[in-house]
Amino acid sequence: MAEERIVQERRVDTPTTNTTVIERRGGSGAGLLIGIVLLLAVLIGGYLLFVQTGSETAKNNAITSAAKSVGSAADKAGDAVDGK
């Protein structure tokens, strides 16, 4: 007895498109925060440096003025001793 076989082939075409999902991971902002803190530290340090330089100049001027006054007083005392 001969057997007959019937083969049915069904082909379903599915689209072959692939979807790529790119997840963008955002930072926590810690780098930006550290940058701002460092910038503030540099600005404050520069300000303090200029303020200190100004006070050094004022101190030096005061010492110079005091030394001139002492020198002038010493000259007057020397003149008084000499009888001039």
Protein backbone atom coordinates (compact mmCIF):
# COMPACT_ATOMS: atom_id res chain seq x y z
CA MET A 1 0.00 0.00 0.00
CA ALA A 2 1.35 3.30 -0.96
CA GLU A 3 1.07 6.07 1.50
CA GLU A 4 0.44 9.49 0.29
CA ARG A 5 1.71 12.36 2.24
CA ILE A 6 0.50 15.86 1.86
CA VAL A 7 2.85 18.43 3.22
CA GLN A 8 1.63 21.93 3.61
CA GLU A 9 4.14 24.59 4.29
CA ARG A 10 2.96 27.82 5.76
CA ARG A 11 5.40 30.65 5.91
CA VAL A 12 4.60 33.69 7.97
CA ASP A 13 6.64 36.72 7.13
CA THR A 14 7.40 38.81 10.17
CA PRO A 15 9.09 42.16 9.92
CA THR A 16 12.79 41.97 10.59
CA THR A 17 13.16 45.41 12.11
CA ASN A 18 15.04 45.66 15.35
CA THR A 19 14.41 48.37 17.85
CA THR A 20 17.44 49.63 19.73
CA VAL A 21 16.74 51.36 23.00
CA ILE A 22 19.47 53.64 24.28
CA GLU A 23 19.12 54.52 27.91
CA ARG A 24 20.79 57.73 28.79
CA ARG A 25 22.06 57.66 32.30
CA GLY A 26 22.14 61.04 33.93
CA GLY A 27 24.73 61.93 36.54
CA SER A 28 23.91 62.75 40.10
CA GLY A 29 25.37 66.24 39.80
CA ALA A 30 28.17 65.56 42.27
CA GLY A 31 30.83 66.65 39.78
CA LEU A 32 29.10 69.96 39.24
CA LEU A 33 28.74 70.48 42.97
CA ILE A 34 32.43 69.76 43.57
CA GLY A 35 33.35 72.18 40.77
CA ILE A 36 31.27 74.97 42.29
CA VAL A 37 32.76 74.37 45.75
CA LEU A 38 36.30 74.49 44.33
CA LEU A 39 35.54 77.69 42.43
CA LEU A 40 34.20 79.32 45.59
CA ALA A 41 37.27 78.21 47.54
CA VAL A 42 39.58 79.77 44.94
CA LEU A 43 37.59 83.01 44.92
CA ILE A 44 37.56 83.27 48.72
CA GLY A 45 41.28 82.45 48.90
CA GLY A 46 42.07 85.16 46.34
CA TYR A 47 39.98 87.71 48.22
CA LEU A 48 41.70 86.90 51.50
CA LEU A 49 45.11 87.16 49.84
CA PHE A 50 44.33 90.64 48.54
CA VAL A 51 42.89 91.76 51.88
CA GLN A 52 45.98 90.48 53.71
CA THR A 53 48.26 92.27 51.25
CA GLY A 54 46.35 95.50 51.87
CA SER A 55 46.63 95.14 55.63
CA GLU A 56 50.38 94.36 55.32
CA THR A 57 50.81 97.61 53.40
CA ALA A 58 48.84 99.56 55.99
CA LYS A 59 50.90 98.01 58.79
CA ASN A 60 54.16 98.83 57.02
CA ASN A 61 53.04 102.42 56.47
CA ALA A 62 52.12 102.76 60.15
CA ILE A 63 55.51 101.41 61.25
CA THR A 64 57.29 103.77 58.86
CA SER A 65 55.32 106.73 60.17
CA ALA A 66 56.02 105.76 63.79
CA ALA A 67 59.72 105.39 63.04
CA LYS A 68 59.82 108.85 61.48
CA SER A 69 58.08 110.29 64.54
CA VAL A 70 60.58 108.60 66.88
CA GLY A 71 63.43 109.88 64.72
CA SER A 72 62.04 113.40 64.83
CA ALA A 73 61.64 113.23 68.62
CA ALA A 74 65.18 111.93 68.97
CA ASP A 75 66.47 114.83 66.88
CA LYS A 76 64.62 117.30 69.11
CA ALA A 77 65.98 115.63 72.25
CA GLY A 78 69.49 115.74 70.80
CA ASP A 79 69.11 119.42 69.96
CA ALA A 80 67.87 120.13 73.50
CA VAL A 81 70.88 118.37 75.03
CA ASP A 82 73.27 120.26 72.75
CA GLY A 83 71.57 123.53 73.72
CA LYS A 84 70.52 124.58 70.28
